[in-house]
Amino acid sequence: RDGYHFSDVARKLTKIARFHPHMMRHTFACRWIEAGGSLAALQEILGHAAVTTTQRYARLGADMVQREAQRLYDGATIPASTRENLSDRPAVGRVSGA
C-alpha cells in the first residue's frame, strides 16, 4: 500500500489494534439511540433498506437499559395503595444489599 490510510492512522493514534472504520458506524448508531433518536431516522441516515439491519447496529448498553427502565418506573402513575407496598423495594435493576 502506498501512503497512509485512515485505518492505519487511527490505529496508531488510538492504540486500538483491531480498529476498523466500520466500528464508527456502530458507535454512532448506539449513541444516536441512547440520545433518544428514532430508529426510523437512523435507518435513513445509515441508508439501510430494512429496519432489521439498523436494529443490529443500534445495540443499547446495559446502563442505557437501566436508565430507561428507571425513568419509566419513576414516571409511572401508581395508585397510593400499591405505592405503599412498593416503598420497601429497591430501585429497578438494583439488588438489595448490593
PDB file of N, CA and C in Angstrom:
ATOM      1  N   ARG A   1       0.848  -1.192   0.000  1.00  0.00           N
ATOM      2  CA  ARG A   1       0.000   0.000   0.000  1.00  0.00           C
ATOM      3  C   ARG A   1       0.880   1.237   0.000  1.00  0.00           C
ATOM      4  N   ASP A   2       0.447   2.183  -0.719  1.00  0.00           N
ATOM      5  CA  ASP A   2       1.194   3.430  -0.760  1.00  0.00           C
ATOM      6  C   ASP A   2       0.517   4.473   0.114  1.00  0.00           C
ATOM      7  N   GLY A   3       1.261   5.179   0.912  1.00  0.00           N
ATOM      8  CA  GLY A   3       0.713   6.224   1.776  1.00  0.00           C
ATOM      9  C   GLY A   3      -0.030   5.650   2.970  1.00  0.00           C
ATOM     10  N   TYR A   4      -0.637   6.533   3.725  1.00  0.00           N
ATOM     11  CA  TYR A   4      -1.394   6.124   4.901  1.00  0.00           C
ATOM     12  C   TYR A   4      -2.877   6.071   4.588  1.00  0.00           C
ATOM     13  N   HIS A   5      -3.522   5.116   5.159  1.00  0.00           N
ATOM     14  CA  HIS A   5      -4.971   5.024   5.085  1.00  0.00           C
ATOM     15  C   HIS A   5      -5.530   5.430   6.429  1.00  0.00           C
ATOM     16  N   PHE A   6      -6.749   5.866   6.423  1.00  0.00           N
ATOM     17  CA  PHE A   6      -7.404   6.323   7.639  1.00  0.00           C
ATOM     18  C   PHE A   6      -7.266   5.300   8.763  1.00  0.00           C
ATOM     19  N   SER A   7      -7.496   4.029   8.452  1.00  0.00           N
ATOM     20  CA  SER A   7      -7.427   2.980   9.470  1.00  0.00           C
ATOM     21  C   SER A   7      -6.054   2.900  10.108  1.00  0.00           C
ATOM     22  N   ASP A   8      -5.023   3.023   9.299  1.00  0.00           N
ATOM     23  CA  ASP A   8      -3.660   2.955   9.819  1.00  0.00           C
ATOM     24  C   ASP A   8      -3.374   4.088  10.799  1.00  0.00           C
ATOM     25  N   VAL A   9      -3.776   5.282  10.429  1.00  0.00           N
ATOM     26  CA  VAL A   9      -3.563   6.451  11.283  1.00  0.00           C
ATOM     27  C   VAL A   9      -4.374   6.299  12.573  1.00  0.00           C
ATOM     28  N   ALA A  10      -5.625   5.874  12.452  1.00  0.00           N
ATOM     29  CA  ALA A  10      -6.477   5.709  13.629  1.00  0.00           C
ATOM     30  C   ALA A  10      -5.906   4.662  14.577  1.00  0.00           C
ATOM     31  N   ARG A  11      -5.423   3.542  14.048  1.00  0.00           N
ATOM     32  CA  ARG A  11      -4.822   2.507  14.898  1.00  0.00           C
ATOM     33  C   ARG A  11      -3.615   3.045  15.645  1.00  0.00           C
ATOM     34  N   LYS A  12      -2.809   3.819  14.951  1.00  0.00           N
ATOM     35  CA  LYS A  12      -1.589   4.359  15.563  1.00  0.00           C
ATOM     36  C   LYS A  12      -1.938   5.374  16.655  1.00  0.00           C
ATOM     37  N   LEU A  13      -2.867   6.274  16.378  1.00  0.00           N
ATOM     38  CA  LEU A  13      -3.214   7.319  17.338  1.00  0.00           C
ATOM     39  C   LEU A  13      -4.016   6.809  18.529  1.00  0.00           C
ATOM     40  N   THR A  14      -4.894   5.841  18.304  1.00  0.00           N
ATOM     41  CA  THR A  14      -5.755   5.349  19.378  1.00  0.00           C
ATOM     42  C   THR A  14      -5.184   4.137  20.093  1.00  0.00           C
ATOM     43  N   LYS A  15      -4.224   3.491  19.482  1.00  0.00           N
ATOM     44  CA  LYS A  15      -3.629   2.261  20.016  1.00  0.00           C
ATOM     45  C   LYS A  15      -4.666   1.117  20.072  1.00  0.00           C
ATOM     46  N   ILE A  16      -5.671   1.214  19.214  1.00  0.00           N
ATOM     47  CA  ILE A  16      -6.662   0.148  19.085  1.00  0.00           C
ATOM     48  C   ILE A  16      -6.224  -0.716  17.909  1.00  0.00           C
ATOM     49  N   ALA A  17      -5.618  -1.841  18.219  1.00  0.00           N
ATOM     50  CA  ALA A  17      -5.017  -2.686  17.182  1.00  0.00           C
ATOM     51  C   ALA A  17      -6.045  -3.209  16.177  1.00  0.00           C
ATOM     52  N   ARG A  18      -7.245  -3.480  16.629  1.00  0.00           N
ATOM     53  CA  ARG A  18      -8.253  -4.065  15.744  1.00  0.00           C
ATOM     54  C   ARG A  18      -9.244  -3.017  15.231  1.00  0.00           C
ATOM     55  N   PHE A  19      -8.843  -1.746  15.203  1.00  0.00           N
ATOM     56  CA  PHE A  19      -9.737  -0.686  14.740  1.00  0.00           C
ATOM     57  C   PHE A  19     -10.104  -0.884  13.278  1.00  0.00           C
ATOM     58  N   HIS A  20     -11.366  -0.643  12.987  1.00  0.00           N
ATOM     59  CA  HIS A  20     -11.850  -0.648  11.607  1.00  0.00           C
ATOM     60  C   HIS A  20     -12.856   0.494  11.497  1.00  0.00           C
ATOM     61  N   PRO A  21     -12.850   1.254  10.414  1.00  0.00           N
ATOM     62  CA  PRO A  21     -13.762   2.388  10.277  1.00  0.00           C
ATOM     63  C   PRO A  21     -15.240   2.029  10.472  1.00  0.00           C
ATOM     64  N   HIS A  22     -15.606   0.805  10.150  1.00  0.00           N
ATOM     65  CA  HIS A  22     -16.996   0.386  10.285  1.00  0.00           C
ATOM     66  C   HIS A  22     -17.446   0.445  11.749  1.00  0.00           C
ATOM     67  N   MET A  23     -16.507   0.329  12.678  1.00  0.00           N
ATOM     68  CA  MET A  23     -16.814   0.424  14.103  1.00  0.00           C
ATOM     69  C   MET A  23     -17.442   1.776  14.432  1.00  0.00           C
ATOM     70  N   MET A  24     -17.067   2.784  13.685  1.00  0.00           N
ATOM     71  CA  MET A  24     -17.591   4.127  13.930  1.00  0.00           C
ATOM     72  C   MET A  24     -19.086   4.203  13.618  1.00  0.00           C
ATOM     73  N   ARG A  25     -19.548   3.448  12.624  1.00  0.00           N
ATOM     74  CA  ARG A  25     -20.980   3.403  12.318  1.00  0.00           C
ATOM     75  C   ARG A  25     -21.752   2.811  13.493  1.00  0.00           C
ATOM     76  N   HIS A  26     -21.209   1.750  14.061  1.00  0.00           N
ATOM     77  CA  HIS A  26     -21.863   1.118  15.209  1.00  0.00           C
ATOM     78  C   HIS A  26     -21.892   2.068  16.406  1.00  0.00           C
ATOM     79  N   THR A  27     -20.787   2.729  16.662  1.00  0.00           N
ATOM     80  CA  THR A  27     -20.725   3.680  17.774  1.00  0.00           C
ATOM     81  C   THR A  27     -21.719   4.806  17.562  1.00  0.00           C
ATOM     82  N   PHE A  28     -21.747   5.361  16.362  1.00  0.00           N
ATOM     83  CA  PHE A  28     -22.698   6.433  16.051  1.00  0.00           C
ATOM     84  C   PHE A  28     -24.128   5.958  16.284  1.00  0.00           C
ATOM     85  N   ALA A  29     -24.455   4.777  15.782  1.00  0.00           N
ATOM     86  CA  ALA A  29     -25.815   4.251  15.902  1.00  0.00           C
ATOM     87  C   ALA A  29     -26.207   4.075  17.369  1.00  0.00           C
ATOM     88  N   CYS A  30     -25.314   3.540  18.165  1.00  0.00           N
ATOM     89  CA  CYS A  30     -25.602   3.347  19.592  1.00  0.00           C
ATOM     90  C   CYS A  30     -25.808   4.684  20.288  1.00  0.00           C
ATOM     91  N   ARG A  31     -24.946   5.636  20.006  1.00  0.00           N
ATOM     92  CA  ARG A  31     -25.065   6.963  20.631  1.00  0.00           C
ATOM     93  C   ARG A  31     -26.351   7.660  20.187  1.00  0.00           C
ATOM     94  N   TRP A  32     -26.731   7.487  18.932  1.00  0.00           N
ATOM     95  CA  TRP A  32     -27.953   8.080  18.395  1.00  0.00           C
ATOM     96  C   TRP A  32     -29.163   7.576  19.187  1.00  0.00           C
ATOM     97  N   ILE A  33     -29.245   6.266  19.345  1.00  0.00           N
ATOM     98  CA  ILE A  33     -30.374   5.670  20.059  1.00  0.00           C
ATOM     99  C   ILE A  33     -30.342   6.069  21.533  1.00  0.00           C
ATOM    100  N   GLU A  34     -29.171   6.038  22.150  1.00  0.00           N
ATOM    101  CA  GLU A  34     -29.043   6.403  23.565  1.00  0.00           C
ATOM    102  C   GLU A  34     -29.442   7.854  23.813  1.00  0.00           C
ATOM    103  N   ALA A  35     -29.257   8.709  22.808  1.00  0.00           N
ATOM    104  CA  ALA A  35     -29.626  10.128  22.941  1.00  0.00           C
ATOM    105  C   ALA A  35     -31.108  10.362  22.656  1.00  0.00           C
ATOM    106  N   GLY A  36     -31.836   9.292  22.347  1.00  0.00           N
ATOM    107  CA  GLY A  36     -33.266   9.422  22.112  1.00  0.00           C
ATOM    108  C   GLY A  36     -33.654   9.546  20.653  1.00  0.00           C
ATOM    109  N   GLY A  37     -32.694   9.358  19.747  1.00  0.00           N
ATOM    110  CA  GLY A  37     -33.001   9.406  18.322  1.00  0.00           C
ATOM    111  C   GLY A  37     -33.870   8.238  17.906  1.00  0.00           C
ATOM    112  N   SER A  38     -34.661   8.436  16.892  1.00  0.00           N
ATOM    113  CA  SER A  38     -35.572   7.371  16.453  1.00  0.00           C
ATOM    114  C   SER A  38     -34.856   6.353  15.580  1.00  0.00           C
ATOM    115  N   LEU A  39     -35.343   5.132  15.655  1.00  0.00           N
ATOM    116  CA  LEU A  39     -34.797   4.047  14.844  1.00  0.00           C
ATOM    117  C   LEU A  39     -35.067   4.299  13.361  1.00  0.00           C
ATOM    118  N   ALA A  40     -36.239   4.843  13.047  1.00  0.00           N
ATOM    119  CA  ALA A  40     -36.589   5.126  11.646  1.00  0.00           C
ATOM    120  C   ALA A  40     -35.638   6.166  11.050  1.00  0.00           C
ATOM    121  N   ALA A  41     -35.340   7.223  11.804  1.00  0.00           N
ATOM    122  CA  ALA A  41     -34.411   8.246  11.312  1.00  0.00           C
ATOM    123  C   ALA A  41     -33.016   7.655  11.142  1.00  0.00           C
ATOM    124  N   LEU A  42     -32.604   6.837  12.087  1.00  0.00           N
ATOM    125  CA  LEU A  42     -31.286   6.206  11.998  1.00  0.00           C
ATOM    126  C   LEU A  42     -31.197   5.306  10.770  1.00  0.00           C
ATOM    127  N   GLN A  43     -32.276   4.613  10.469  1.00  0.00           N
ATOM    128  CA  GLN A  43     -32.324   3.769   9.271  1.00  0.00           C
ATOM    129  C   GLN A  43     -32.047   4.604   8.025  1.00  0.00           C
ATOM    130  N   GLU A  44     -32.654   5.773   7.958  1.00  0.00           N
ATOM    131  CA  GLU A  44     -32.440   6.673   6.816  1.00  0.00           C
ATOM    132  C   GLU A  44     -30.995   7.169   6.770  1.00  0.00           C
ATOM    133  N   ILE A  45     -30.485   7.578   7.919  1.00  0.00           N
ATOM    134  CA  ILE A  45     -29.125   8.108   7.983  1.00  0.00           C
ATOM    135  C   ILE A  45     -28.107   7.066   7.529  1.00  0.00           C
ATOM    136  N   LEU A  46     -28.284   5.830   7.987  1.00  0.00           N
ATOM    137  CA  LEU A  46     -27.334   4.768   7.649  1.00  0.00           C
ATOM    138  C   LEU A  46     -27.587   4.173   6.268  1.00  0.00           C
ATOM    139  N   GLY A  47     -28.748   4.485   5.681  1.00  0.00           N
ATOM    140  CA  GLY A  47     -29.047   4.008   4.332  1.00  0.00           C
ATOM    141  C   GLY A  47     -29.447   2.550   4.261  1.00  0.00           C
ATOM    142  N   HIS A  48     -30.057   2.047   5.312  1.00  0.00           N
ATOM    143  CA  HIS A  48     -30.474   0.647   5.320  1.00  0.00           C
ATOM    144  C   HIS A  48     -31.853   0.490   4.689  1.00  0.00           C
ATOM    145  N   ALA A  49     -32.014  -0.532   3.880  1.00  0.00           N
ATOM    146  CA  ALA A  49     -33.312  -0.820   3.268  1.00  0.00           C
ATOM    147  C   ALA A  49     -34.260  -1.440   4.289  1.00  0.00           C
ATOM    148  N   ALA A  50     -33.720  -2.246   5.188  1.00  0.00           N
ATOM    149  CA  ALA A  50     -34.546  -2.938   6.187  1.00  0.00           C
ATOM    150  C   ALA A  50     -34.215  -2.446   7.588  1.00  0.00           C
ATOM    151  N   VAL A  51     -35.238  -2.212   8.383  1.00  0.00           N
ATOM    152  CA  VAL A  51     -35.026  -1.738   9.748  1.00  0.00           C
ATOM    153  C   VAL A  51     -34.322  -2.803  10.594  1.00  0.00           C
ATOM    154  N   THR A  52     -34.460  -4.069  10.228  1.00  0.00           N
ATOM    155  CA  THR A  52     -33.785  -5.130  10.980  1.00  0.00           C
ATOM    156  C   THR A  52     -32.266  -4.972  10.920  1.00  0.00           C
ATOM    157  N   THR A  53     -31.758  -4.462   9.820  1.00  0.00           N
ATOM    158  CA  THR A  53     -30.314  -4.192   9.713  1.00  0.00           C
ATOM    159  C   THR A  53     -29.938  -3.084  10.680  1.00  0.00           C
ATOM    160  N   THR A  54     -30.737  -2.045  10.738  1.00  0.00           N
ATOM    161  CA  THR A  54     -30.475  -0.914  11.631  1.00  0.00           C
ATOM    162  C   THR A  54     -30.507  -1.373  13.078  1.00  0.00           C
ATOM    163  N   GLN A  55     -31.410  -2.259  13.419  1.00  0.00           N
ATOM    164  CA  GLN A  55     -31.516  -2.757  14.787  1.00  0.00           C
ATOM    165  C   GLN A  55     -30.230  -3.443  15.230  1.00  0.00           C
ATOM    166  N   ARG A  56     -29.533  -4.089  14.317  1.00  0.00           N
ATOM    167  CA  ARG A  56     -28.267  -4.741  14.677  1.00  0.00           C
ATOM    168  C   ARG A  56     -27.198  -3.720  15.027  1.00  0.00           C
ATOM    169  N   TYR A  57     -27.266  -2.560  14.412  1.00  0.00           N
ATOM    170  CA  TYR A  57     -26.301  -1.505  14.691  1.00  0.00           C
ATOM    171  C   TYR A  57     -26.587  -0.817  16.023  1.00  0.00           C
ATOM    172  N   ALA A  58     -27.839  -0.721  16.359  1.00  0.00           N
ATOM    173  CA  ALA A  58     -28.265   0.108  17.480  1.00  0.00           C
ATOM    174  C   ALA A  58     -28.416  -0.700  18.767  1.00  0.00           C
ATOM    175  N   ARG A  59     -27.380  -1.351  19.176  1.00  0.00           N
ATOM    176  CA  ARG A  59     -27.420  -2.097  20.434  1.00  0.00           C
ATOM    177  C   ARG A  59     -27.286  -1.135  21.593  1.00  0.00           C
ATOM    178  N   LEU A  60     -28.106  -1.339  22.584  1.00  0.00           N
ATOM    179  CA  LEU A  60     -28.072  -0.469  23.748  1.00  0.00           C
ATOM    180  C   LEU A  60     -27.173  -1.071  24.826  1.00  0.00           C
ATOM    181  N   GLY A  61     -26.442  -0.198  25.482  1.00  0.00           N
ATOM    182  CA  GLY A  61     -25.633  -0.638  26.602  1.00  0.00           C
ATOM    183  C   GLY A  61     -26.518  -0.948  27.799  1.00  0.00           C
ATOM    184  N   ALA A  62     -26.029  -1.786  28.698  1.00  0.00           N
ATOM    185  CA  ALA A  62     -26.795  -2.168  29.880  1.00  0.00           C
ATOM    186  C   ALA A  62     -27.166  -0.946  30.715  1.00  0.00           C
ATOM    187  N   ASP A  63     -26.277   0.034  30.788  1.00  0.00           N
ATOM    188  CA  ASP A  63     -26.564   1.236  31.579  1.00  0.00           C
ATOM    189  C   ASP A  63     -27.722   2.020  30.970  1.00  0.00           C
ATOM    190  N   MET A  64     -27.825   2.034  29.642  1.00  0.00           N
ATOM    191  CA  MET A  64     -28.932   2.730  28.981  1.00  0.00           C
ATOM    192  C   MET A  64     -30.252   2.030  29.275  1.00  0.00           C
ATOM    193  N   VAL A  65     -30.254   0.725  29.241  1.00  0.00           N
ATOM    194  CA  VAL A  65     -31.458  -0.041  29.541  1.00  0.00           C
ATOM    195  C   VAL A  65     -31.871   0.225  30.989  1.00  0.00           C
ATOM    196  N   GLN A  66     -30.910   0.249  31.890  1.00  0.00           N
ATOM    197  CA  GLN A  66     -31.185   0.526  33.304  1.00  0.00           C
ATOM    198  C   GLN A  66     -31.798   1.921  33.479  1.00  0.00           C
ATOM    199  N   ARG A  67     -31.209   2.935  32.835  1.00  0.00           N
ATOM    200  CA  ARG A  67     -31.726   4.302  32.954  1.00  0.00           C
ATOM    201  C   ARG A  67     -33.138   4.416  32.415  1.00  0.00           C
ATOM    202  N   GLU A  68     -33.399   3.767  31.292  1.00  0.00           N
ATOM    203  CA  GLU A  68     -34.730   3.838  30.686  1.00  0.00           C
ATOM    204  C   GLU A  68     -35.758   3.133  31.567  1.00  0.00           C
ATOM    205  N   ALA A  69     -35.405   1.985  32.092  1.00  0.00           N
ATOM    206  CA  ALA A  69     -36.318   1.270  32.988  1.00  0.00           C
ATOM    207  C   ALA A  69     -36.605   2.111  34.225  1.00  0.00           C
ATOM    208  N   GLN A  70     -35.585   2.739  34.784  1.00  0.00           N
ATOM    209  CA  GLN A  70     -35.767   3.573  35.969  1.00  0.00           C
ATOM    210  C   GLN A  70     -36.634   4.790  35.643  1.00  0.00           C
ATOM    211  N   ARG A  71     -36.420   5.385  34.465  1.00  0.00           N
ATOM    212  CA  ARG A  71     -37.217   6.545  34.050  1.00  0.00           C
ATOM    213  C   ARG A  71     -38.695   6.179  33.965  1.00  0.00           C
ATOM    214  N   LEU A  72     -38.987   5.039  33.362  1.00  0.00           N
ATOM    215  CA  LEU A  72     -40.378   4.611  33.230  1.00  0.00           C
ATOM    216  C   LEU A  72     -40.979   4.279  34.593  1.00  0.00           C
ATOM    217  N   TYR A  73     -40.195   3.641  35.425  1.00  0.00           N
ATOM    218  CA  TYR A  73     -40.647   3.273  36.768  1.00  0.00           C
ATOM    219  C   TYR A  73     -40.933   4.535  37.583  1.00  0.00           C
ATOM    220  N   ASP A  74     -40.022   5.507  37.531  1.00  0.00           N
ATOM    221  CA  ASP A  74     -40.171   6.748  38.292  1.00  0.00           C
ATOM    222  C   ASP A  74     -41.358   7.572  37.802  1.00  0.00           C
ATOM    223  N   GLY A  75     -41.650   7.519  36.516  1.00  0.00           N
ATOM    224  CA  GLY A  75     -42.714   8.330  35.945  1.00  0.00           C
ATOM    225  C   GLY A  75     -44.079   7.668  35.936  1.00  0.00           C
ATOM    226  N   ALA A  76     -44.134   6.437  36.410  1.00  0.00           N
ATOM    227  CA  ALA A  76     -45.397   5.701  36.375  1.00  0.00           C
ATOM    228  C   ALA A  76     -46.413   6.285  37.361  1.00  0.00           C
ATOM    229  N   THR A  77     -47.661   6.235  36.964  1.00  0.00           N
ATOM    230  CA  THR A  77     -48.741   6.637  37.860  1.00  0.00           C
ATOM    231  C   THR A  77     -49.159   5.400  38.633  1.00  0.00           C
ATOM    232  N   ILE A  78     -48.860   5.416  39.917  1.00  0.00           N
ATOM    233  CA  ILE A  78     -49.113   4.242  40.750  1.00  0.00           C
ATOM    234  C   ILE A  78     -50.138   4.618  41.819  1.00  0.00           C
ATOM    235  N   PRO A  79     -51.205   3.819  41.954  1.00  0.00           N
ATOM    236  CA  PRO A  79     -52.196   4.095  42.998  1.00  0.00           C
ATOM    237  C   PRO A  79     -51.536   4.101  44.382  1.00  0.00           C
ATOM    238  N   ALA A  80     -52.064   4.911  45.287  1.00  0.00           N
ATOM    239  CA  ALA A  80     -51.488   5.060  46.630  1.00  0.00           C
ATOM    240  C   ALA A  80     -51.340   3.718  47.338  1.00  0.00           C
ATOM    241  N   SER A  81     -52.326   2.831  47.224  1.00  0.00           N
ATOM    242  CA  SER A  81     -52.254   1.539  47.915  1.00  0.00           C
ATOM    243  C   SER A  81     -51.090   0.699  47.410  1.00  0.00           C
ATOM    244  N   THR A  82     -50.846   0.743  46.117  1.00  0.00           N
ATOM    245  CA  THR A  82     -49.728  -0.003  45.537  1.00  0.00           C
ATOM    246  C   THR A  82     -48.408   0.663  45.908  1.00  0.00           C
ATOM    247  N   ARG A  83     -48.384   1.997  45.905  1.00  0.00           N
ATOM    248  CA  ARG A  83     -47.175   2.751  46.235  1.00  0.00           C
ATOM    249  C   ARG A  83     -46.665   2.377  47.624  1.00  0.00           C
ATOM    250  N   GLU A  84     -47.569   2.181  48.569  1.00  0.00           N
ATOM    251  CA  GLU A  84     -47.184   1.805  49.925  1.00  0.00           C
ATOM    252  C   GLU A  84     -46.469   0.468  49.930  1.00  0.00           C
ATOM    253  N   ASN A  85     -46.957  -0.488  49.133  1.00  0.00           N
ATOM    254  CA  ASN A  85     -46.333  -1.808  49.063  1.00  0.00           C
ATOM    255  C   ASN A  85     -44.980  -1.773  48.366  1.00  0.00           C
ATOM    256  N   LEU A  86     -44.781  -0.818  47.472  1.00  0.00           N
ATOM    257  CA  LEU A  86     -43.525  -0.729  46.714  1.00  0.00           C
ATOM    258  C   LEU A  86     -42.432   0.033  47.456  1.00  0.00           C
ATOM    259  N   SER A  87     -42.800   0.778  48.485  1.00  0.00           N
ATOM    260  CA  SER A  87     -41.827   1.655  49.139  1.00  0.00           C
ATOM    261  C   SER A  87     -40.663   0.906  49.759  1.00  0.00           C
ATOM    262  N   ASP A  88     -40.840  -0.347  50.110  1.00  0.00           N
ATOM    263  CA  ASP A  88     -39.758  -1.129  50.723  1.00  0.00           C
ATOM    264  C   ASP A  88     -38.876  -1.821  49.692  1.00  0.00           C
ATOM    265  N   ARG A  89     -39.247  -1.755  48.422  1.00  0.00           N
ATOM    266  CA  ARG A  89     -38.491  -2.445  47.374  1.00  0.00           C
ATOM    267  C   ARG A  89     -37.340  -1.590  46.874  1.00  0.00           C
ATOM    268  N   PRO A  90     -36.253  -2.254  46.452  1.00  0.00           N
ATOM    269  CA  PRO A  90     -35.136  -1.489  45.876  1.00  0.00           C
ATOM    270  C   PRO A  90     -35.502  -0.917  44.518  1.00  0.00           C
ATOM    271  N   ALA A  91     -34.736   0.031  44.038  1.00  0.00           N
ATOM    272  CA  ALA A  91     -34.960   0.612  42.717  1.00  0.00           C
ATOM    273  C   ALA A  91     -34.846  -0.463  41.660  1.00  0.00           C
ATOM    274  N   VAL A  92     -35.461  -0.239  40.522  1.00  0.00           N
ATOM    275  CA  VAL A  92     -35.441  -1.183  39.415  1.00  0.00           C
ATOM    276  C   VAL A  92     -34.016  -1.569  39.068  1.00  0.00           C
ATOM    277  N   GLY A  93     -33.765  -2.865  38.930  1.00  0.00           N
ATOM    278  CA  GLY A  93     -32.453  -3.350  38.497  1.00  0.00           C
ATOM    279  C   GLY A  93     -31.399  -3.397  39.577  1.00  0.00           C
ATOM    280  N   ARG A  94     -31.720  -2.941  40.760  1.00  0.00           N
ATOM    281  CA  ARG A  94     -30.741  -2.978  41.837  1.00  0.00           C
ATOM    282  C   ARG A  94     -31.064  -4.138  42.748  1.00  0.00           C
ATOM    283  N   VAL A  95     -30.035  -4.798  43.215  1.00  0.00           N
ATOM    284  CA  VAL A  95     -30.221  -5.928  44.109  1.00  0.00           C
ATOM    285  C   VAL A  95     -30.098  -5.432  45.531  1.00  0.00           C
ATOM    286  N   SER A  96     -31.018  -5.822  46.349  1.00  0.00           N
ATOM    287  CA  SER A  96     -30.987  -5.408  47.749  1.00  0.00           C
ATOM    288  C   SER A  96     -29.679  -5.846  48.405  1.00  0.00           C
ATOM    289  N   GLY A  97     -29.045  -4.933  49.100  1.00  0.00           N
ATOM    290  CA  GLY A  97     -27.799  -5.238  49.794  1.00  0.00           C
ATOM    291  C   GLY A  97     -26.575  -5.129  48.908  1.00  0.00           C
ATOM    292  N   ALA A  98     -26.753  -4.771  47.653  1.00  0.00           N
ATOM    293  CA  ALA A  98     -25.603  -4.686  46.745  1.00  0.00           C
ATOM    294  C   ALA A  98     -24.931  -3.336  46.872  1.00  0.00           C
TER     295      ALA A  98
END
